[in-house]
Amino acid sequence: MIIGWSARLGPVFFTGALASGLWMLAQCFDFIRHPTPERGGALFLNGSNYRAIMFGSMILDVVLCIYLGSYTSILW
């Protein structure tokens, strides 16, 4: 969230960051309740999906900022 605020990104990034962060937290809490090696491996691989969502939403947000000049004024 700090990255989005300091870079003045728009709502696409913040929505992606919030959704993927909550999803990753749910996966972590599930692993805490059921700590198995298989679940740990799946959690490790889900970290890649988390980063893909974060960077994908960041790229989409920057593209929207470039092509729609007033896009970032939604938040700032």
PDB file of N, CA and C in Angstrom:
ATOM      1  N   MET A   1       0.824  -1.179   0.000  1.00  0.00           N
ATOM      2  CA  MET A   1       0.000   0.000   0.000  1.00  0.00           C
ATOM      3  C   MET A   1       0.879   1.259   0.000  1.00  0.00           C
ATOM      4  N   ILE A   2       2.002   1.211   0.688  1.00  0.00           N
ATOM      5  CA  ILE A   2       2.903   2.366   0.722  1.00  0.00           C
ATOM      6  C   ILE A   2       3.458   2.646  -0.674  1.00  0.00           C
ATOM      7  N   ILE A   3       3.732   1.597  -1.429  1.00  0.00           N
ATOM      8  CA  ILE A   3       4.234   1.784  -2.796  1.00  0.00           C
ATOM      9  C   ILE A   3       3.210   2.540  -3.627  1.00  0.00           C
ATOM     10  N   GLY A   4       1.956   2.151  -3.539  1.00  0.00           N
ATOM     11  CA  GLY A   4       0.905   2.830  -4.295  1.00  0.00           C
ATOM     12  C   GLY A   4       0.722   4.269  -3.887  1.00  0.00           C
ATOM     13  N   TRP A   5       0.830   4.533  -2.594  1.00  0.00           N
ATOM     14  CA  TRP A   5       0.665   5.908  -2.113  1.00  0.00           C
ATOM     15  C   TRP A   5       1.834   6.777  -2.556  1.00  0.00           C
ATOM     16  N   SER A   6       3.064   6.272  -2.413  1.00  0.00           N
ATOM     17  CA  SER A   6       4.224   7.089  -2.765  1.00  0.00           C
ATOM     18  C   SER A   6       4.353   7.282  -4.273  1.00  0.00           C
ATOM     19  N   ALA A   7       3.897   6.313  -5.071  1.00  0.00           N
ATOM     20  CA  ALA A   7       3.967   6.433  -6.528  1.00  0.00           C
ATOM     21  C   ALA A   7       2.714   7.065  -7.116  1.00  0.00           C
ATOM     22  N   ARG A   8       1.752   7.394  -6.256  1.00  0.00           N
ATOM     23  CA  ARG A   8       0.487   8.008  -6.685  1.00  0.00           C
ATOM     24  C   ARG A   8      -0.241   7.142  -7.709  1.00  0.00           C
ATOM     25  N   LEU A   9      -0.330   5.851  -7.407  1.00  0.00           N
ATOM     26  CA  LEU A   9      -1.048   4.938  -8.285  1.00  0.00           C
ATOM     27  C   LEU A   9      -2.543   5.059  -8.032  1.00  0.00           C
ATOM     28  N   GLY A  10      -3.332   4.455  -8.893  1.00  0.00           N
ATOM     29  CA  GLY A  10      -4.777   4.610  -8.830  1.00  0.00           C
ATOM     30  C   GLY A  10      -5.491   3.444  -8.170  1.00  0.00           C
ATOM     31  N   PRO A  11      -6.807   3.400  -8.337  1.00  0.00           N
ATOM     32  CA  PRO A  11      -7.624   2.404  -7.640  1.00  0.00           C
ATOM     33  C   PRO A  11      -7.414   0.967  -8.111  1.00  0.00           C
ATOM     34  N   VAL A  12      -6.937   0.759  -9.326  1.00  0.00           N
ATOM     35  CA  VAL A  12      -6.698  -0.616  -9.783  1.00  0.00           C
ATOM     36  C   VAL A  12      -5.611  -1.260  -8.930  1.00  0.00           C
ATOM     37  N   PHE A  13      -4.537  -0.532  -8.681  1.00  0.00           N
ATOM     38  CA  PHE A  13      -3.468  -1.080  -7.848  1.00  0.00           C
ATOM     39  C   PHE A  13      -3.949  -1.311  -6.427  1.00  0.00           C
ATOM     40  N   PHE A  14      -4.649  -0.340  -5.852  1.00  0.00           N
ATOM     41  CA  PHE A  14      -5.089  -0.490  -4.470  1.00  0.00           C
ATOM     42  C   PHE A  14      -6.081  -1.639  -4.313  1.00  0.00           C
ATOM     43  N   THR A  15      -6.949  -1.833  -5.288  1.00  0.00           N
ATOM     44  CA  THR A  15      -7.886  -2.957  -5.239  1.00  0.00           C
ATOM     45  C   THR A  15      -7.137  -4.281  -5.350  1.00  0.00           C
ATOM     46  N   GLY A  16      -6.197  -4.357  -6.274  1.00  0.00           N
ATOM     47  CA  GLY A  16      -5.396  -5.575  -6.421  1.00  0.00           C
ATOM     48  C   GLY A  16      -4.550  -5.864  -5.193  1.00  0.00           C
ATOM     49  N   ALA A  17      -3.960  -4.816  -4.611  1.00  0.00           N
ATOM     50  CA  ALA A  17      -3.136  -4.999  -3.416  1.00  0.00           C
ATOM     51  C   ALA A  17      -3.970  -5.468  -2.235  1.00  0.00           C
ATOM     52  N   LEU A  18      -5.129  -4.870  -2.054  1.00  0.00           N
ATOM     53  CA  LEU A  18      -5.990  -5.252  -0.937  1.00  0.00           C
ATOM     54  C   LEU A  18      -6.523  -6.673  -1.110  1.00  0.00           C
ATOM     55  N   ALA A  19      -6.998  -6.994  -2.308  1.00  0.00           N
ATOM     56  CA  ALA A  19      -7.559  -8.331  -2.550  1.00  0.00           C
ATOM     57  C   ALA A  19      -6.488  -9.415  -2.431  1.00  0.00           C
ATOM     58  N   SER A  20      -5.338  -9.195  -3.041  1.00  0.00           N
ATOM     59  CA  SER A  20      -4.295 -10.222  -2.981  1.00  0.00           C
ATOM     60  C   SER A  20      -3.697 -10.329  -1.584  1.00  0.00           C
ATOM     61  N   GLY A  21      -3.606  -9.227  -0.874  1.00  0.00           N
ATOM     62  CA  GLY A  21      -3.107  -9.270   0.502  1.00  0.00           C
ATOM     63  C   GLY A  21      -4.032 -10.045   1.422  1.00  0.00           C
ATOM     64  N   LEU A  22      -5.336  -9.799   1.299  1.00  0.00           N
ATOM     65  CA  LEU A  22      -6.300 -10.542   2.116  1.00  0.00           C
ATOM     66  C   LEU A  22      -6.302 -12.024   1.752  1.00  0.00           C
ATOM     67  N   TRP A  23      -6.191 -12.317   0.459  1.00  0.00           N
ATOM     68  CA  TRP A  23      -6.143 -13.705   0.013  1.00  0.00           C
ATOM     69  C   TRP A  23      -4.905 -14.408   0.580  1.00  0.00           C
ATOM     70  N   MET A  24      -3.754 -13.727   0.548  1.00  0.00           N
ATOM     71  CA  MET A  24      -2.523 -14.332   1.058  1.00  0.00           C
ATOM     72  C   MET A  24      -2.594 -14.516   2.569  1.00  0.00           C
ATOM     73  N   LEU A  25      -3.179 -13.559   3.276  1.00  0.00           N
ATOM     74  CA  LEU A  25      -3.350 -13.717   4.723  1.00  0.00           C
ATOM     75  C   LEU A  25      -4.242 -14.909   5.049  1.00  0.00           C
ATOM     76  N   ALA A  26      -5.300 -15.092   4.282  1.00  0.00           N
ATOM     77  CA  ALA A  26      -6.180 -16.244   4.502  1.00  0.00           C
ATOM     78  C   ALA A  26      -5.415 -17.549   4.285  1.00  0.00           C
ATOM     79  N   GLN A  27      -4.554 -17.586   3.263  1.00  0.00           N
ATOM     80  CA  GLN A  27      -3.743 -18.776   3.015  1.00  0.00           C
ATOM     81  C   GLN A  27      -2.782 -19.032   4.177  1.00  0.00           C
ATOM     82  N   CYS A  28      -2.192 -17.969   4.720  1.00  0.00           N
ATOM     83  CA  CYS A  28      -1.255 -18.109   5.841  1.00  0.00           C
ATOM     84  C   CYS A  28      -1.964 -18.612   7.093  1.00  0.00           C
ATOM     85  N   PHE A  29      -3.139 -18.059   7.386  1.00  0.00           N
ATOM     86  CA  PHE A  29      -3.885 -18.511   8.559  1.00  0.00           C
ATOM     87  C   PHE A  29      -4.319 -19.969   8.408  1.00  0.00           C
ATOM     88  N   ASP A  30      -4.660 -20.368   7.188  1.00  0.00           N
ATOM     89  CA  ASP A  30      -5.016 -21.758   6.947  1.00  0.00           C
ATOM     90  C   ASP A  30      -3.813 -22.669   7.179  1.00  0.00           C
ATOM     91  N   PHE A  31      -2.635 -22.211   6.786  1.00  0.00           N
ATOM     92  CA  PHE A  31      -1.426 -22.997   7.019  1.00  0.00           C
ATOM     93  C   PHE A  31      -1.114 -23.099   8.508  1.00  0.00           C
ATOM     94  N   ILE A  32      -1.366 -22.038   9.256  1.00  0.00           N
ATOM     95  CA  ILE A  32      -1.132 -22.080  10.703  1.00  0.00           C
ATOM     96  C   ILE A  32      -2.048 -23.113  11.356  1.00  0.00           C
ATOM     97  N   ARG A  33      -3.290 -23.186  10.893  1.00  0.00           N
ATOM     98  CA  ARG A  33      -4.236 -24.155  11.459  1.00  0.00           C
ATOM     99  C   ARG A  33      -3.932 -25.585  11.028  1.00  0.00           C
ATOM    100  N   HIS A  34      -3.425 -25.762   9.813  1.00  0.00           N
ATOM    101  CA  HIS A  34      -3.151 -27.098   9.265  1.00  0.00           C
ATOM    102  C   HIS A  34      -1.718 -27.148   8.723  1.00  0.00           C
ATOM    103  N   PRO A  35      -0.715 -27.203   9.606  1.00  0.00           N
ATOM    104  CA  PRO A  35       0.683 -27.162   9.146  1.00  0.00           C
ATOM    105  C   PRO A  35       1.170 -28.517   8.626  1.00  0.00           C
ATOM    106  N   THR A  36       1.034 -28.713   7.341  1.00  0.00           N
ATOM    107  CA  THR A  36       1.555 -29.926   6.706  1.00  0.00           C
ATOM    108  C   THR A  36       2.599 -29.517   5.666  1.00  0.00           C
ATOM    109  N   PRO A  37       3.520 -30.405   5.356  1.00  0.00           N
ATOM    110  CA  PRO A  37       4.523 -30.068   4.333  1.00  0.00           C
ATOM    111  C   PRO A  37       3.900 -29.733   2.976  1.00  0.00           C
ATOM    112  N   GLU A  38       2.830 -30.445   2.620  1.00  0.00           N
ATOM    113  CA  GLU A  38       2.172 -30.164   1.336  1.00  0.00           C
ATOM    114  C   GLU A  38       1.570 -28.764   1.335  1.00  0.00           C
ATOM    115  N   ARG A  39       0.948 -28.409   2.452  1.00  0.00           N
ATOM    116  CA  ARG A  39       0.329 -27.078   2.562  1.00  0.00           C
ATOM    117  C   ARG A  39       1.397 -25.991   2.552  1.00  0.00           C
ATOM    118  N   GLY A  40       2.541 -26.263   3.176  1.00  0.00           N
ATOM    119  CA  GLY A  40       3.649 -25.304   3.158  1.00  0.00           C
ATOM    120  C   GLY A  40       4.183 -25.073   1.756  1.00  0.00           C
ATOM    121  N   GLY A  41       4.294 -26.158   0.991  1.00  0.00           N
ATOM    122  CA  GLY A  41       4.735 -26.024  -0.399  1.00  0.00           C
ATOM    123  C   GLY A  41       3.749 -25.244  -1.238  1.00  0.00           C
ATOM    124  N   ALA A  42       2.458 -25.495  -1.000  1.00  0.00           N
ATOM    125  CA  ALA A  42       1.429 -24.756  -1.744  1.00  0.00           C
ATOM    126  C   ALA A  42       1.449 -23.280  -1.368  1.00  0.00           C
ATOM    127  N   LEU A  43       1.688 -22.992  -0.095  1.00  0.00           N
ATOM    128  CA  LEU A  43       1.763 -21.594   0.339  1.00  0.00           C
ATOM    129  C   LEU A  43       2.952 -20.892  -0.307  1.00  0.00           C
ATOM    130  N   PHE A  44       4.067 -21.601  -0.398  1.00  0.00           N
ATOM    131  CA  PHE A  44       5.247 -21.040  -1.055  1.00  0.00           C
ATOM    132  C   PHE A  44       4.953 -20.706  -2.516  1.00  0.00           C
ATOM    133  N   LEU A  45       4.279 -21.605  -3.211  1.00  0.00           N
ATOM    134  CA  LEU A  45       3.938 -21.360  -4.613  1.00  0.00           C
ATOM    135  C   LEU A  45       2.884 -20.261  -4.753  1.00  0.00           C
ATOM    136  N   ASN A  46       1.981 -20.144  -3.786  1.00  0.00           N
ATOM    137  CA  ASN A  46       0.977 -19.084  -3.832  1.00  0.00           C
ATOM    138  C   ASN A  46       1.600 -17.704  -3.670  1.00  0.00           C
ATOM    139  N   GLY A  47       2.786 -17.646  -3.079  1.00  0.00           N
ATOM    140  CA  GLY A  47       3.494 -16.374  -2.995  1.00  0.00           C
ATOM    141  C   GLY A  47       3.813 -15.822  -4.379  1.00  0.00           C
ATOM    142  N   SER A  48       4.076 -16.711  -5.328  1.00  0.00           N
ATOM    143  CA  SER A  48       4.318 -16.277  -6.710  1.00  0.00           C
ATOM    144  C   SER A  48       3.053 -15.704  -7.329  1.00  0.00           C
ATOM    145  N   ASN A  49       1.917 -16.326  -7.047  1.00  0.00           N
ATOM    146  CA  ASN A  49       0.646 -15.790  -7.552  1.00  0.00           C
ATOM    147  C   ASN A  49       0.348 -14.425  -6.942  1.00  0.00           C
ATOM    148  N   TYR A  50       0.659 -14.271  -5.666  1.00  0.00           N
ATOM    149  CA  TYR A  50       0.466 -12.986  -4.988  1.00  0.00           C
ATOM    150  C   TYR A  50       1.280 -11.889  -5.671  1.00  0.00           C
ATOM    151  N   ARG A  51       2.541 -12.172  -5.914  1.00  0.00           N
ATOM    152  CA  ARG A  51       3.392 -11.171  -6.574  1.00  0.00           C
ATOM    153  C   ARG A  51       2.935 -10.897  -8.000  1.00  0.00           C
ATOM    154  N   ALA A  52       2.443 -11.905  -8.691  1.00  0.00           N
ATOM    155  CA  ALA A  52       1.935 -11.705 -10.054  1.00  0.00           C
ATOM    156  C   ALA A  52       0.729 -10.776 -10.053  1.00  0.00           C
ATOM    157  N   ILE A  53      -0.162 -10.948  -9.098  1.00  0.00           N
ATOM    158  CA  ILE A  53      -1.329 -10.061  -9.006  1.00  0.00           C
ATOM    159  C   ILE A  53      -0.890  -8.643  -8.669  1.00  0.00           C
ATOM    160  N   MET A  54       0.049  -8.511  -7.737  1.00  0.00           N
ATOM    161  CA  MET A  54       0.525  -7.177  -7.353  1.00  0.00           C
ATOM    162  C   MET A  54       1.175  -6.453  -8.538  1.00  0.00           C
ATOM    163  N   PHE A  55       2.105  -7.120  -9.208  1.00  0.00           N
ATOM    164  CA  PHE A  55       2.799  -6.472 -10.316  1.00  0.00           C
ATOM    165  C   PHE A  55       1.881  -6.272 -11.516  1.00  0.00           C
ATOM    166  N   GLY A  56       0.978  -7.206 -11.757  1.00  0.00           N
ATOM    167  CA  GLY A  56       0.016  -7.039 -12.850  1.00  0.00           C
ATOM    168  C   GLY A  56      -0.899  -5.851 -12.634  1.00  0.00           C
ATOM    169  N   SER A  57      -1.385  -5.695 -11.408  1.00  0.00           N
ATOM    170  CA  SER A  57      -2.252  -4.544 -11.132  1.00  0.00           C
ATOM    171  C   SER A  57      -1.458  -3.244 -11.180  1.00  0.00           C
ATOM    172  N   MET A  58      -0.180  -3.301 -10.796  1.00  0.00           N
ATOM    173  CA  MET A  58       0.651  -2.101 -10.874  1.00  0.00           C
ATOM    174  C   MET A  58       0.884  -1.706 -12.331  1.00  0.00           C
ATOM    175  N   ILE A  59       1.176  -2.667 -13.184  1.00  0.00           N
ATOM    176  CA  ILE A  59       1.402  -2.385 -14.599  1.00  0.00           C
ATOM    177  C   ILE A  59       0.134  -1.852 -15.251  1.00  0.00           C
ATOM    178  N   LEU A  60      -0.998  -2.490 -14.973  1.00  0.00           N
ATOM    179  CA  LEU A  60      -2.268  -2.021 -15.526  1.00  0.00           C
ATOM    180  C   LEU A  60      -2.582  -0.603 -15.058  1.00  0.00           C
ATOM    181  N   ASP A  61      -2.287  -0.326 -13.807  1.00  0.00           N
ATOM    182  CA  ASP A  61      -2.540   1.001 -13.271  1.00  0.00           C
ATOM    183  C   ASP A  61      -1.664   2.058 -13.951  1.00  0.00           C
ATOM    184  N   VAL A  62      -0.408   1.738 -14.177  1.00  0.00           N
ATOM    185  CA  VAL A  62       0.491   2.684 -14.852  1.00  0.00           C
ATOM    186  C   VAL A  62       0.051   2.909 -16.293  1.00  0.00           C
ATOM    187  N   VAL A  63      -0.372   1.850 -16.981  1.00  0.00           N
ATOM    188  CA  VAL A  63      -0.861   1.998 -18.357  1.00  0.00           C
ATOM    189  C   VAL A  63      -2.092   2.895 -18.384  1.00  0.00           C
ATOM    190  N   LEU A  64      -3.004   2.705 -17.436  1.00  0.00           N
ATOM    191  CA  LEU A  64      -4.182   3.575 -17.370  1.00  0.00           C
ATOM    192  C   LEU A  64      -3.792   5.018 -17.072  1.00  0.00           C
ATOM    193  N   CYS A  65      -2.780   5.210 -16.236  1.00  0.00           N
ATOM    194  CA  CYS A  65      -2.305   6.569 -15.944  1.00  0.00           C
ATOM    195  C   CYS A  65      -1.736   7.236 -17.191  1.00  0.00           C
ATOM    196  N   ILE A  66      -1.072   6.462 -18.035  1.00  0.00           N
ATOM    197  CA  ILE A  66      -0.477   7.018 -19.249  1.00  0.00           C
ATOM    198  C   ILE A  66      -1.555   7.403 -20.257  1.00  0.00           C
ATOM    199  N   TYR A  67      -2.527   6.513 -20.467  1.00  0.00           N
ATOM    200  CA  TYR A  67      -3.523   6.747 -21.508  1.00  0.00           C
ATOM    201  C   TYR A  67      -4.717   7.573 -21.052  1.00  0.00           C
ATOM    202  N   LEU A  68      -5.004   7.587 -19.776  1.00  0.00           N
ATOM    203  CA  LEU A  68      -6.103   8.398 -19.247  1.00  0.00           C
ATOM    204  C   LEU A  68      -5.511   9.385 -18.250  1.00  0.00           C
ATOM    205  N   GLY A  69      -5.265  10.577 -18.686  1.00  0.00           N
ATOM    206  CA  GLY A  69      -4.588  11.565 -17.858  1.00  0.00           C
ATOM    207  C   GLY A  69      -5.288  11.869 -16.548  1.00  0.00           C
ATOM    208  N   SER A  70      -6.602  11.838 -16.530  1.00  0.00           N
ATOM    209  CA  SER A  70      -7.330  12.177 -15.305  1.00  0.00           C
ATOM    210  C   SER A  70      -7.587  10.958 -14.425  1.00  0.00           C
ATOM    211  N   TYR A  71      -7.022   9.816 -14.777  1.00  0.00           N
ATOM    212  CA  TYR A  71      -7.275   8.584 -14.030  1.00  0.00           C
ATOM    213  C   TYR A  71      -6.808   8.679 -12.580  1.00  0.00           C
ATOM    214  N   THR A  72      -5.602   9.201 -12.358  1.00  0.00           N
ATOM    215  CA  THR A  72      -5.090   9.252 -10.986  1.00  0.00           C
ATOM    216  C   THR A  72      -5.770  10.316 -10.151  1.00  0.00           C
ATOM    217  N   SER A  73      -6.463  11.251 -10.772  1.00  0.00           N
ATOM    218  CA  SER A  73      -7.147  12.277  -9.977  1.00  0.00           C
ATOM    219  C   SER A  73      -8.339  11.706  -9.224  1.00  0.00           C
ATOM    220  N   ILE A  74      -8.681  10.430  -9.482  1.00  0.00           N
ATOM    221  CA  ILE A  74      -9.746   9.777  -8.726  1.00  0.00           C
ATOM    222  C   ILE A  74      -9.365   9.731  -7.252  1.00  0.00           C
ATOM    223  N   LEU A  75      -8.100   9.432  -6.962  1.00  0.00           N
ATOM    224  CA  LEU A  75      -7.638   9.337  -5.578  1.00  0.00           C
ATOM    225  C   LEU A  75      -6.870  10.559  -5.112  1.00  0.00           C
ATOM    226  N   TRP A  76      -6.180  11.216  -6.005  1.00  0.00           N
ATOM    227  CA  TRP A  76      -5.297  12.303  -5.591  1.00  0.00           C
ATOM    228  C   TRP A  76      -5.841  13.598  -6.094  1.00  0.00           C
TER     229      TRP A  76
END
